[in-house]
Amino acid sequence: MSNPARPEQIAIIRHGEKPPPAPPPQGIDEKGMPHAHSLIVRGWQRAGALVSFFCVPLNPTLRCPTRLYSPPRHGMDGDHGRPNETILALAEKLNLAVDTTYVLDEEPALVARVLAADGVVLISWEHKRIPKIANAILGRDFAPQWPDDRFDLVWVFDLQPDGGYAFRQVPQLLLGGDRPDIVPTG
């Protein structure tokens, strides 16, 4: 009996930069219109840079995604467009649809869907919920909290021969001010 399909690699990113509590700068939607729940210009710059980061990997240990996930732009608890906006350019470049089936707080169902997929998965999500996704992928409580001030990391899960996943962090180093350090893991 063969093992069910599992993703060879799962990568998770936080959405790009957002407006501070008291703008400026303000959020701008993909049409250039002011929108409080959209990325700021720096976030859109990061979204564009992620195309090369994943499609022509600047880090040879990262694979080009074959499946993309984010919450929908308008979830049950409000407007959460930033994770989706962050991977729009990547989705267009790869000619992939973004699976927006799961809203924030449906992370267990998202992980079940991801783990039943094959290929290479990229999840763009809200940072406070990313550790919950990571722990579900690993099957144990392990992941640190994602820092409020970090938009420049990728959490990567590589499929191991035993069917489990190994966790590592990759600094993006795409924009001025991106940091090379990773989040301590206790």
Protein backbone atom coordinates (compact mmCIF):
# COMPACT_ATOMS: atom_id res chain seq x y z
CA MET A 1 0.00 0.00 0.00
CA SER A 2 1.47 3.37 -0.97
CA ASN A 3 1.55 6.40 1.26
CA PRO A 4 -1.04 9.06 0.52
CA ALA A 5 0.18 12.16 -1.29
CA ARG A 6 1.76 14.78 0.92
CA PRO A 7 3.38 18.06 0.01
CA GLU A 8 7.13 17.77 -0.53
CA GLN A 9 7.52 21.22 0.96
CA ILE A 10 5.20 23.63 2.77
CA ALA A 11 6.18 27.28 3.15
CA ILE A 12 4.33 29.84 5.25
CA ILE A 13 4.68 33.59 4.98
CA ARG A 14 3.08 36.45 6.79
CA HIS A 15 1.30 38.98 4.63
CA GLY A 16 3.28 42.03 3.51
CA GLU A 17 3.55 45.25 5.46
CA LYS A 18 0.35 46.87 6.65
CA PRO A 19 -0.63 50.37 7.78
CA PRO A 20 0.36 51.37 11.31
CA PRO A 21 -2.45 52.00 13.82
CA ALA A 22 -2.29 55.72 12.99
CA PRO A 23 -1.39 56.17 9.30
CA PRO A 24 0.38 57.45 7.26
CA PRO A 25 1.31 55.43 5.38
CA GLN A 26 -2.11 54.17 4.42
CA GLY A 27 -3.17 50.92 2.84
CA ILE A 28 -3.60 50.86 -0.93
CA ASP A 29 -5.57 48.18 -2.77
CA GLU A 30 -4.41 46.58 -6.04
CA LYS A 31 -6.19 49.31 -8.01
CA GLY A 32 -4.27 52.07 -6.19
CA MET A 33 -7.22 53.15 -4.07
CA PRO A 34 -6.89 53.85 -0.32
CA HIS A 35 -8.08 50.89 1.72
CA ALA A 36 -7.50 50.49 5.46
CA HIS A 37 -7.19 46.69 5.27
CA SER A 38 -4.77 46.54 2.34
CA LEU A 39 -1.00 46.50 2.12
CA ILE A 40 1.05 49.69 2.25
CA VAL A 41 3.40 50.42 -0.66
CA ARG A 42 6.26 48.54 1.04
CA GLY A 43 3.97 45.50 1.37
CA TRP A 44 3.22 45.64 -2.36
CA GLN A 45 6.98 45.87 -3.03
CA ARG A 46 7.47 42.73 -0.95
CA ALA A 47 4.64 40.99 -2.82
CA GLY A 48 6.37 41.74 -6.12
CA ALA A 49 9.77 40.63 -4.83
CA LEU A 50 8.28 37.32 -3.64
CA VAL A 51 7.72 36.36 -7.29
CA SER A 52 11.47 36.08 -7.89
CA PHE A 53 12.05 34.74 -4.40
CA PHE A 54 9.88 31.70 -5.09
CA CYS A 55 9.93 31.39 -8.92
CA VAL A 56 13.67 31.85 -9.42
CA PRO A 57 14.66 30.80 -5.95
CA LEU A 58 17.19 33.12 -4.39
CA ASN A 59 17.55 30.34 -1.84
CA PRO A 60 18.15 27.00 -3.61
CA THR A 61 16.46 25.08 -0.79
CA LEU A 62 13.09 26.67 -1.59
CA ARG A 63 10.84 25.13 -4.22
CA CYS A 64 8.48 26.95 -6.57
CA PRO A 65 4.91 26.59 -5.24
CA THR A 66 2.35 24.50 -7.07
CA ARG A 67 -0.47 25.33 -4.63
CA LEU A 68 -1.31 28.64 -2.96
CA TYR A 69 -3.52 29.26 0.07
CA SER A 70 -4.72 32.42 1.82
CA PRO A 71 -7.86 33.48 3.65
CA PRO A 72 -10.46 35.15 1.45
CA ARG A 73 -10.36 38.91 1.20
CA HIS A 74 -13.58 39.26 3.16
CA GLY A 75 -13.80 36.71 5.97
CA MET A 76 -16.44 36.02 8.55
CA ASP A 77 -14.79 38.37 11.05
CA GLY A 78 -14.04 41.28 8.76
CA ASP A 79 -11.80 42.35 5.93
CA HIS A 80 -8.50 40.45 5.75
CA GLY A 81 -7.20 41.09 2.25
CA ARG A 82 -3.50 41.45 3.02
CA PRO A 83 -2.53 37.73 2.93
CA ASN A 84 -4.25 37.36 -0.44
CA GLU A 85 -2.78 40.58 -1.82
CA THR A 86 0.70 39.39 -0.83
CA ILE A 87 0.55 36.42 -3.21
CA LEU A 88 -1.50 37.90 -6.07
CA ALA A 89 1.54 38.64 -8.26
CA LEU A 90 2.98 35.19 -7.55
CA ALA A 91 -0.33 33.52 -8.43
CA GLU A 92 -0.48 35.48 -11.67
CA LYS A 93 3.12 34.60 -12.60
CA LEU A 94 2.55 30.90 -11.89
CA ASN A 95 -0.94 30.89 -13.43
CA LEU A 96 -2.33 29.40 -10.22
CA ALA A 97 -5.60 30.08 -8.44
CA VAL A 98 -5.30 30.93 -4.76
CA ASP A 99 -7.37 28.56 -2.61
CA THR A 100 -9.34 30.87 -0.31
CA THR A 101 -11.66 28.23 1.10
CA TYR A 102 -10.65 28.77 4.74
CA VAL A 103 -11.14 31.91 6.80
CA LEU A 104 -9.06 32.94 9.77
CA ASP A 105 -9.71 30.58 12.72
CA GLU A 106 -10.25 27.62 10.36
CA GLU A 107 -6.57 26.69 10.52
CA PRO A 108 -7.16 23.02 11.47
CA ALA A 109 -9.27 22.49 8.33
CA LEU A 110 -6.69 24.37 6.25
CA VAL A 111 -3.89 22.12 7.51
CA ALA A 112 -5.95 18.98 6.84
CA ARG A 113 -6.46 20.16 3.25
CA VAL A 114 -2.79 21.08 2.81
CA LEU A 115 -1.53 17.77 4.18
CA ALA A 116 -3.80 15.90 1.75
CA ALA A 117 -2.29 17.77 -1.21
CA ASP A 118 0.82 17.01 -3.19
CA GLY A 119 3.48 19.23 -4.73
CA VAL A 120 4.80 22.36 -3.06
CA VAL A 121 2.49 24.51 -0.93
CA LEU A 122 2.72 28.19 -0.01
CA ILE A 123 0.41 29.58 2.66
CA SER A 124 0.07 33.35 3.18
CA TRP A 125 -1.65 34.05 6.49
CA GLU A 126 -2.09 36.40 9.44
CA HIS A 127 0.97 36.19 11.72
CA LYS A 128 -0.73 35.51 15.06
CA ARG A 129 -2.29 32.35 13.62
CA ILE A 130 0.80 31.02 11.82
CA PRO A 131 2.17 29.17 14.90
CA LYS A 132 -1.12 27.25 15.11
CA ILE A 133 -0.69 26.16 11.49
CA ALA A 134 2.95 25.22 12.10
CA ASN A 135 2.13 23.15 15.17
CA ALA A 136 -0.60 21.29 13.28
CA ILE A 137 1.81 20.48 10.44
CA LEU A 138 4.42 19.22 12.91
CA GLY A 139 1.87 17.38 15.06
CA ARG A 140 3.21 18.95 18.25
CA ASP A 141 3.49 22.27 20.06
CA PHE A 142 6.78 23.67 18.89
CA ALA A 143 6.49 26.85 16.88
CA PRO A 144 7.44 30.17 18.46
CA GLN A 145 5.20 33.20 18.25
CA TRP A 146 5.65 35.16 15.03
CA PRO A 147 7.01 38.62 16.00
CA ASP A 148 4.70 41.56 15.36
CA ASP A 149 7.46 43.48 13.57
CA ARG A 150 8.59 40.75 11.14
CA PHE A 151 7.25 40.54 7.58
CA ASP A 152 10.49 39.12 6.18
CA LEU A 153 10.54 35.44 7.14
CA VAL A 154 9.51 32.17 5.57
CA TRP A 155 8.75 29.15 7.73
CA VAL A 156 9.55 26.02 5.75
CA PHE A 157 8.50 22.43 6.39
CA ASP A 158 10.37 19.79 4.39
CA LEU A 159 8.89 16.30 4.01
CA GLN A 160 11.09 13.65 5.63
CA PRO A 161 11.43 9.96 4.69
CA ASP A 162 9.34 8.98 7.73
CA GLY A 163 6.41 11.11 6.47
CA GLY A 164 6.88 13.86 9.05
CA TYR A 165 8.17 17.36 8.48
CA ALA A 166 11.36 19.14 9.48
CA PHE A 167 11.02 22.83 10.36
CA ARG A 168 13.39 25.62 9.38
CA GLN A 169 13.25 29.37 8.87
CA VAL A 170 14.50 31.33 5.87
CA PRO A 171 15.03 35.11 6.01
CA GLN A 172 13.68 36.72 2.83
CA LEU A 173 16.26 39.55 2.63
CA LEU A 174 14.28 41.12 -0.22
CA LEU A 175 13.95 44.75 0.86
CA GLY A 176 16.12 47.27 2.67
CA GLY A 177 15.70 46.72 6.41
CA ASP A 178 14.96 42.98 6.12
CA ARG A 179 16.84 41.14 8.84
CA PRO A 180 19.02 38.03 8.55
CA ASP A 181 18.12 36.69 12.00
CA ILE A 182 15.41 34.11 12.61
CA VAL A 183 12.90 33.68 15.43
CA PRO A 184 14.36 31.78 18.40
CA THR A 185 12.65 28.41 18.85
CA GLY A 186 12.99 27.95 22.60
